[in-house]
Amino acid sequence: MNMSKRKLPGGLAVAEAAKITCTDSDADATAPKYPTVQGPVDFSPMNGVQIDFTIAASAVAVSNEAVQVIESQHAPEHPALQLDKVQGSPPKMVPKGSPAESFMQASPTKVTEDVSALTCNLSLIPKDRWNKRRSLSAIVLAALPIQSKSSTVRRNVVLRDELDECTVTVWGNHTNILNEAAIGRPVTLQRVCLTAFEGKIQIAMPKDSSVALGNTPQTIPILHWMQRVGTTAVTVTQVRQRQYSNECENVLTTLQAIAMQQSTVVCIHGILAKVVHEIVQMKDSTQRPLITISIADGPPKAFLTIQFWNASSGTAELFEQLMHQAVNVTKIRVVADPERGNRYESIGALSKVFNCKNPPLETWWFRPEEEA
């Protein structure tokens, strides 16, 4: 059978490639080893030419080094790549407090939406994919009282990540894991899905789902986010002089917090004006301690109240020692409610009240209103 000689890379013809073998006995010790072509030949038609692809593959392997040499000679690198190799300049470090650092911190780490991943922004998941089992990493913001009916017990728990907050209903033994003591701790939910209840999307926990408290690689970025937005505060004077970036939407004074339209975590600066300690009777007949503090700001004069549920013994006395002083109230949950007004609640032991001197604000607080 006559077979046309078709050139392969490296200048070898198919007919010549059929003769090439490489064995341990006759090959140069320094040359690369390639398998000997044996067995029946399978010819396949391609553009009217009969080509033995098995032999051709060996020929390509043999001529691979020659092809690489040719490509390196005829494919010059991009000038920018050559410049980087010559200069070898390291990446610039972003100075602390610079606009570059503020932008990097405020910018999202992803520019695309991954609907396969579950976050606390449940609206990102299309309704036709609600039944898919997913995992969620978040921080426990609140644990509502247990509700019992017949032999079942359930509890609604509020979770939070960098994007939003959401609600999950836990049942049975999970109500003892996600209780008041879990507030402020990271949690991972496994094999959960989504459902709708009273017109709102929330997380459902099938029987084979699981709950685990503790840090994981997925919860570390959430903790870093909460630390940043929940502890960074500015003075009232700086706010009035607009010496801060408007993009820092989580840095609030009392006046700004009142106008919040989205639930988030913030640090609020103002005068600790009042402390009220009481015991509240809950719907499940349990009693829970509640400390309510009032934060003042001005001028113009404005107030808001922050609730500290289940605070440890002696917390009220510590707050009273800071009365009429400028303070930072860190890691406070803002529950946006346009109809009844925003609520401000502590996040377990994460929320703190620190003294933060602000002479102009403290002077205004004690100055008679006739002189203001």
Protein backbone atom coordinates (compact mmCIF):
# COMPACT_ATOMS: atom_id res chain seq x y z
CA MET A 1 0.00 0.00 0.00
CA ASN A 2 1.34 3.38 -0.95
CA MET A 3 1.29 5.86 1.92
CA SER A 4 1.83 9.58 1.37
CA LYS A 5 4.57 11.14 3.43
CA ARG A 6 3.11 13.90 5.56
CA LYS A 7 5.50 16.16 7.42
CA LEU A 8 5.21 16.32 11.19
CA PRO A 9 6.69 18.93 13.57
CA GLY A 10 10.46 18.71 13.61
CA GLY A 11 10.72 17.80 9.91
CA LEU A 12 9.93 14.06 10.24
CA ALA A 13 7.67 12.28 7.82
CA VAL A 14 5.10 9.71 8.88
CA ALA A 15 6.90 6.99 6.94
CA GLU A 16 10.18 7.85 8.68
CA ALA A 17 8.48 8.02 12.07
CA ALA A 18 7.39 4.40 11.66
CA LYS A 19 11.04 3.34 11.73
CA ILE A 20 11.88 5.15 14.96
CA THR A 21 12.19 2.98 18.05
CA CYS A 22 13.97 3.51 21.31
CA THR A 23 15.23 0.66 23.48
CA ASP A 24 17.74 0.36 26.27
CA SER A 25 20.22 -1.49 24.04
CA ASP A 26 20.60 0.84 21.08
CA ALA A 27 19.60 4.27 22.48
CA ASP A 28 21.99 6.92 23.69
CA ALA A 29 22.08 6.92 27.49
CA THR A 30 21.56 10.66 27.55
CA ALA A 31 18.57 10.68 25.16
CA PRO A 32 14.99 10.55 26.46
CA LYS A 33 13.34 7.13 26.41
CA TYR A 34 10.14 6.65 24.40
CA PRO A 35 8.22 3.36 23.95
CA THR A 36 8.77 1.17 20.89
CA VAL A 37 5.83 1.16 18.45
CA GLN A 38 4.42 -2.35 18.36
CA GLY A 39 1.20 -4.16 17.60
CA PRO A 40 -1.33 -3.77 14.78
CA VAL A 41 -1.58 -0.48 12.92
CA ASP A 42 -4.84 1.48 13.06
CA PHE A 43 -5.09 3.85 10.11
CA SER A 44 -7.67 6.62 10.17
CA PRO A 45 -8.57 8.87 7.22
CA MET A 46 -7.90 12.59 7.64
CA ASN A 47 -8.30 14.96 4.68
CA GLY A 48 -7.81 12.06 2.29
CA VAL A 49 -4.44 11.04 3.74
CA GLN A 50 -3.92 7.77 5.58
CA ILE A 51 -2.15 8.55 8.88
CA ASP A 52 -1.05 6.13 11.56
CA PHE A 53 -1.86 8.19 14.67
CA THR A 54 -0.02 5.76 16.96
CA ILE A 55 3.21 6.21 15.04
CA ALA A 56 2.56 9.93 14.64
CA ALA A 57 2.29 10.31 18.40
CA SER A 58 5.72 8.78 18.83
CA ALA A 59 7.12 11.08 16.18
CA VAL A 60 5.66 14.10 17.89
CA ALA A 61 7.17 12.99 21.19
CA VAL A 62 10.58 12.55 19.59
CA SER A 63 10.42 15.96 17.92
CA ASN A 64 8.94 17.74 20.94
CA GLU A 65 12.25 19.21 22.03
CA ALA A 66 12.87 20.61 18.55
CA VAL A 67 9.41 22.19 18.50
CA GLN A 68 10.07 23.89 21.84
CA VAL A 69 13.32 25.33 20.50
CA ILE A 70 11.59 26.68 17.39
CA GLU A 71 8.77 28.23 19.45
CA SER A 72 11.23 29.87 21.80
CA GLN A 73 13.00 31.45 18.83
CA HIS A 74 9.88 32.78 17.10
CA ALA A 75 7.63 33.74 20.06
CA PRO A 76 9.19 36.73 21.86
CA GLU A 77 7.86 37.58 25.30
CA HIS A 78 5.56 40.50 25.92
CA PRO A 79 7.55 43.69 26.66
CA ALA A 80 5.85 44.06 30.04
CA LEU A 81 6.97 40.59 31.07
CA GLN A 82 10.52 41.32 29.96
CA LEU A 83 10.46 44.57 31.95
CA ASP A 84 9.39 42.79 35.11
CA LYS A 85 12.20 40.29 34.77
CA VAL A 86 14.78 43.02 34.29
CA GLN A 87 13.62 45.30 37.06
CA GLY A 88 12.38 42.68 39.53
CA SER A 89 10.52 45.33 41.58
CA PRO A 90 8.53 43.96 44.57
CA PRO A 91 4.84 44.94 45.03
CA LYS A 92 4.27 48.19 46.89
CA MET A 93 3.17 48.07 50.51
CA VAL A 94 -0.11 49.83 51.31
CA PRO A 95 0.47 52.46 54.05
CA LYS A 96 -1.78 52.17 57.11
CA GLY A 97 -4.52 54.80 57.17
CA SER A 98 -4.15 55.65 53.48
CA PRO A 99 -7.04 55.84 50.97
CA ALA A 100 -5.64 52.65 49.41
CA GLU A 101 -6.07 50.76 52.69
CA SER A 102 -9.62 52.08 53.16
CA PHE A 103 -10.56 50.99 49.64
CA MET A 104 -9.04 47.53 50.06
CA GLN A 105 -10.91 46.97 53.33
CA ALA A 106 -14.24 48.21 51.96
CA SER A 107 -14.00 46.35 48.63
CA PRO A 108 -15.60 42.90 48.39
CA THR A 109 -13.26 39.93 48.07
CA LYS A 110 -15.37 38.56 45.21
CA VAL A 111 -16.90 40.35 42.23
CA THR A 112 -19.12 37.48 41.12
CA GLU A 113 -21.97 35.78 42.94
CA ASP A 114 -21.48 32.09 43.68
CA VAL A 115 -24.97 30.62 44.00
CA SER A 116 -23.51 27.27 45.08
CA ALA A 117 -22.22 28.82 48.32
CA LEU A 118 -24.58 29.78 51.13
CA THR A 119 -24.22 33.08 52.96
CA CYS A 120 -26.53 34.98 55.28
CA ASN A 121 -27.76 36.92 52.25
CA LEU A 122 -30.30 34.22 51.43
CA SER A 123 -31.77 36.18 48.52
CA LEU A 124 -28.72 35.26 46.42
CA ILE A 125 -29.98 31.66 46.08
CA PRO A 126 -32.60 31.19 43.31
CA LYS A 127 -35.84 29.64 44.53
CA ASP A 128 -35.45 26.60 42.29
CA ARG A 129 -32.22 25.76 44.18
CA TRP A 130 -33.55 26.10 47.73
CA ASN A 131 -33.68 22.32 48.24
CA LYS A 132 -29.96 21.80 47.63
CA ARG A 133 -28.05 20.94 50.81
CA ARG A 134 -25.36 23.47 51.70
CA SER A 135 -23.08 24.57 54.54
CA LEU A 136 -23.14 27.96 56.25
CA SER A 137 -20.51 29.64 58.42
CA ALA A 138 -21.61 32.61 60.53
CA ILE A 139 -21.65 34.29 63.95
CA VAL A 140 -24.53 33.79 66.40
CA LEU A 141 -26.14 37.20 67.02
CA ALA A 142 -29.21 36.23 69.02
CA ALA A 143 -30.97 33.16 70.42
CA LEU A 144 -34.68 33.60 71.00
CA PRO A 145 -36.52 31.73 73.79
CA ILE A 146 -37.45 28.07 73.22
CA GLN A 147 -40.97 27.40 71.95
CA SER A 148 -42.60 24.10 72.91
CA LYS A 149 -45.58 22.38 71.35
CA SER A 150 -46.60 18.83 72.27
CA SER A 151 -43.35 16.85 72.29
CA THR A 152 -41.37 19.17 70.00
CA VAL A 153 -39.18 22.10 70.94
CA ARG A 154 -37.71 24.69 68.61
CA ARG A 155 -35.81 27.95 68.76
CA ASN A 156 -35.17 30.74 66.28
CA VAL A 157 -31.53 31.84 66.08
CA VAL A 158 -30.18 34.92 64.28
CA LEU A 159 -26.89 34.48 62.38
CA ARG A 160 -24.59 37.04 60.75
CA ASP A 161 -21.73 37.18 58.24
CA GLU A 162 -20.11 39.99 56.23
CA LEU A 163 -23.08 40.29 53.87
CA ASP A 164 -26.25 40.12 55.94
CA GLU A 165 -28.07 38.45 58.80
CA CYS A 166 -30.57 35.61 58.63
CA THR A 167 -32.71 33.34 60.81
CA VAL A 168 -32.52 29.59 61.31
CA THR A 169 -35.00 27.44 63.21
CA VAL A 170 -33.32 24.67 65.20
CA TRP A 171 -35.11 21.69 66.72
CA GLY A 172 -34.59 19.18 69.51
CA ASN A 173 -31.06 18.91 70.86
CA HIS A 174 -29.85 21.70 68.60
CA THR A 175 -31.80 24.15 70.78
CA ASN A 176 -29.37 23.32 73.61
CA ILE A 177 -26.33 23.95 71.39
CA LEU A 178 -27.49 27.28 69.97
CA ASN A 179 -28.62 28.91 73.21
CA GLU A 180 -27.84 32.20 74.97
CA ALA A 181 -24.31 31.00 75.78
CA ALA A 182 -23.57 30.63 72.04
CA ILE A 183 -24.23 34.31 71.26
CA GLY A 184 -21.13 35.91 69.76
CA ARG A 185 -19.53 32.57 68.86
CA PRO A 186 -18.82 31.27 65.34
CA VAL A 187 -20.98 28.40 64.12
CA THR A 188 -21.05 26.05 61.13
CA LEU A 189 -24.27 24.50 59.85
CA GLN A 190 -23.97 21.41 57.63
CA ARG A 191 -26.50 20.04 55.13
CA VAL A 192 -29.07 22.81 55.49
CA CYS A 193 -31.47 24.17 52.88
CA LEU A 194 -33.80 27.15 52.47
CA THR A 195 -37.50 27.61 53.06
CA ALA A 196 -40.07 30.40 53.32
CA PHE A 197 -41.96 31.21 56.53
CA GLU A 198 -44.46 34.08 56.81
CA GLY A 199 -43.15 35.57 53.59
CA LYS A 200 -39.49 35.56 54.62
CA ILE A 201 -36.66 33.31 53.50
CA GLN A 202 -34.96 31.40 56.28
CA ILE A 203 -32.74 28.38 56.80
CA ALA A 204 -34.33 24.98 57.34
CA MET A 205 -32.55 22.12 59.13
CA PRO A 206 -33.50 18.63 57.91
CA LYS A 207 -33.02 15.63 60.18
CA ASP A 208 -29.54 14.84 58.84
CA SER A 209 -28.22 18.40 59.31
CA SER A 210 -25.65 19.23 61.98
CA VAL A 211 -24.46 22.16 64.13
CA ALA A 212 -20.88 22.79 65.26
CA LEU A 213 -19.64 25.70 67.37
CA GLY A 214 -16.05 26.90 67.05
CA ASN A 215 -13.59 28.57 64.71
CA THR A 216 -12.95 27.23 61.22
CA PRO A 217 -11.06 28.69 58.23
CA GLN A 218 -14.44 29.85 56.90
CA THR A 219 -15.37 31.80 60.06
CA ILE A 220 -12.05 33.67 60.42
CA PRO A 221 -12.87 36.31 57.73
CA ILE A 222 -16.24 36.92 59.41
CA LEU A 223 -14.58 37.49 62.79
CA HIS A 224 -12.10 39.89 61.20
CA TRP A 225 -14.95 41.81 59.57
CA MET A 226 -16.86 42.05 62.84
CA GLN A 227 -13.76 43.21 64.69
CA ARG A 228 -13.15 45.96 62.14
CA VAL A 229 -16.66 47.36 61.83
CA GLY A 230 -17.56 46.76 65.46
CA THR A 231 -14.65 48.58 67.10
CA THR A 232 -13.75 51.47 64.78
CA ALA A 233 -15.32 54.72 65.94
CA VAL A 234 -14.88 58.45 65.31
CA THR A 235 -15.52 61.45 67.52
CA VAL A 236 -18.46 63.74 67.02
CA THR A 237 -16.09 66.59 66.14
CA GLN A 238 -14.60 64.55 63.30
CA VAL A 239 -18.05 63.72 62.00
CA ARG A 240 -19.07 67.38 61.93
CA GLN A 241 -15.88 68.36 60.11
CA ARG A 242 -16.32 65.41 57.72
CA GLN A 243 -12.80 64.22 58.31
CA TYR A 244 -13.69 60.65 57.51
CA SER A 245 -14.67 58.71 54.40
CA ASN A 246 -18.38 58.48 53.62
CA GLU A 247 -17.77 54.87 52.55
CA CYS A 248 -17.27 53.86 56.20
CA GLU A 249 -20.97 53.24 56.65
CA ASN A 250 -20.50 51.08 59.76
CA VAL A 251 -18.80 53.88 61.76
CA LEU A 252 -21.61 55.73 63.48
CA THR A 253 -22.48 58.39 65.98
CA THR A 254 -25.87 58.45 67.66
CA LEU A 255 -27.38 60.69 65.00
CA GLN A 256 -26.25 58.41 62.19
CA ALA A 257 -27.31 55.20 63.92
CA ILE A 258 -30.87 56.46 64.26
CA ALA A 259 -31.09 56.77 60.48
CA MET A 260 -29.71 53.29 59.67
CA GLN A 261 -31.81 51.49 57.06
CA GLN A 262 -30.06 48.12 57.03
CA SER A 263 -29.26 45.67 59.79
CA THR A 264 -25.54 45.59 60.54
CA VAL A 265 -22.91 45.66 63.30
CA VAL A 266 -21.56 49.03 64.45
CA CYS A 267 -19.58 50.93 67.06
CA ILE A 268 -21.44 53.95 68.51
CA HIS A 269 -19.82 56.94 70.15
CA GLY A 270 -21.62 59.29 72.55
CA ILE A 271 -22.36 60.18 76.18
CA LEU A 272 -23.48 57.36 78.47
CA ALA A 273 -26.51 59.17 79.84
CA LYS A 274 -28.48 56.50 81.72
CA VAL A 275 -28.30 52.90 82.96
CA VAL A 276 -31.39 50.81 83.83
CA HIS A 277 -31.14 47.26 85.25
CA GLU A 278 -34.22 44.99 85.44
CA ILE A 279 -35.45 41.39 85.31
CA VAL A 280 -37.82 40.61 82.42
CA GLN A 281 -40.42 37.83 82.45
CA MET A 282 -40.31 36.04 79.08
CA LYS A 283 -43.13 34.28 77.23
CA ASP A 284 -41.70 30.88 78.14
CA SER A 285 -42.01 31.83 81.85
CA THR A 286 -38.25 32.23 82.24
CA GLN A 287 -36.63 35.35 83.64
CA ARG A 288 -33.81 37.15 81.88
CA PRO A 289 -31.70 40.08 83.15
CA LEU A 290 -31.74 43.16 80.95
CA ILE A 291 -29.52 46.26 81.10
CA THR A 292 -30.62 49.21 78.99
CA ILE A 293 -28.24 52.12 78.46
CA SER A 294 -29.04 55.47 76.84
CA ILE A 295 -26.46 57.16 74.58
CA ALA A 296 -26.69 60.92 74.02
CA ASP A 297 -25.26 63.04 71.24
CA GLY A 298 -25.46 66.66 70.23
CA PRO A 299 -26.00 69.30 69.31
CA PRO A 300 -28.65 68.82 68.10
CA LYS A 301 -29.70 66.64 71.02
CA ALA A 302 -30.41 62.99 70.20
CA PHE A 303 -30.71 59.76 72.18
CA LEU A 304 -30.82 56.06 71.51
CA THR A 305 -31.05 53.01 73.80
CA ILE A 306 -28.98 49.83 73.64
CA GLN A 307 -30.12 46.58 75.27
CA PHE A 308 -27.70 44.18 76.95
CA TRP A 309 -29.47 40.85 77.47
CA ASN A 310 -28.14 38.24 79.94
CA ALA A 311 -25.22 40.44 80.98
CA SER A 312 -22.93 39.02 83.61
CA SER A 313 -23.26 40.04 87.25
CA GLY A 314 -21.68 43.39 88.02
CA THR A 315 -22.02 44.76 84.46
CA ALA A 316 -24.60 47.36 85.48
CA GLU A 317 -22.31 48.69 88.20
CA LEU A 318 -19.44 49.04 85.70
CA PHE A 319 -21.69 50.96 83.32
CA GLU A 320 -22.81 53.30 86.09
CA GLN A 321 -19.19 54.25 86.75
CA LEU A 322 -19.00 55.57 83.17
CA MET A 323 -22.16 57.67 83.30
CA HIS A 324 -21.96 61.22 81.89
CA GLN A 325 -18.72 60.37 80.11
CA ALA A 326 -18.00 59.91 76.40
CA VAL A 327 -17.85 56.21 75.55
CA ASN A 328 -17.52 53.81 72.64
CA VAL A 329 -20.08 51.02 72.62
CA THR A 330 -18.52 48.31 70.46
CA LYS A 331 -19.99 45.46 68.39
CA ILE A 332 -23.63 46.46 68.60
CA ARG A 333 -26.24 44.84 66.43
CA VAL A 334 -28.47 47.30 64.59
CA VAL A 335 -31.88 45.79 63.82
CA ALA A 336 -33.31 48.02 61.10
CA ASP A 337 -37.07 48.46 61.46
CA PRO A 338 -38.55 51.32 59.37
CA GLU A 339 -42.02 50.92 60.91
CA ARG A 340 -41.27 50.78 64.67
CA GLY A 341 -37.79 52.26 64.67
CA ASN A 342 -34.38 50.66 64.86
CA ARG A 343 -33.34 48.46 67.77
CA TYR A 344 -29.82 48.23 69.16
CA GLU A 345 -28.76 45.07 70.96
CA SER A 346 -25.57 43.63 72.41
CA ILE A 347 -23.95 40.55 70.88
CA GLY A 348 -23.31 38.53 74.02
CA ALA A 349 -19.92 39.03 75.62
CA LEU A 350 -18.53 40.58 72.40
CA SER A 351 -20.19 43.93 73.11
CA LYS A 352 -18.23 46.28 75.38
CA VAL A 353 -18.45 49.84 76.71
CA PHE A 354 -15.16 51.75 76.89
CA ASN A 355 -14.35 55.24 78.09
CA CYS A 356 -13.35 57.45 75.17
CA LYS A 357 -12.55 61.05 76.09
CA ASN A 358 -14.28 63.71 74.02
CA PRO A 359 -13.95 67.12 75.80
CA PRO A 360 -16.16 69.10 73.38
CA LEU A 361 -18.98 66.57 73.66
CA GLU A 362 -18.69 66.28 77.44
CA THR A 363 -18.61 70.09 77.78
CA TRP A 364 -21.79 70.35 75.69
CA TRP A 365 -23.46 67.66 77.82
CA PHE A 366 -23.01 69.65 81.06
CA ARG A 367 -23.49 73.14 79.62
CA PRO A 368 -26.84 74.81 80.43
CA GLU A 369 -29.07 74.87 77.38
CA GLU A 370 -29.42 78.67 77.60
CA GLU A 371 -25.70 78.95 76.92
CA ALA A 372 -25.55 76.31 74.19
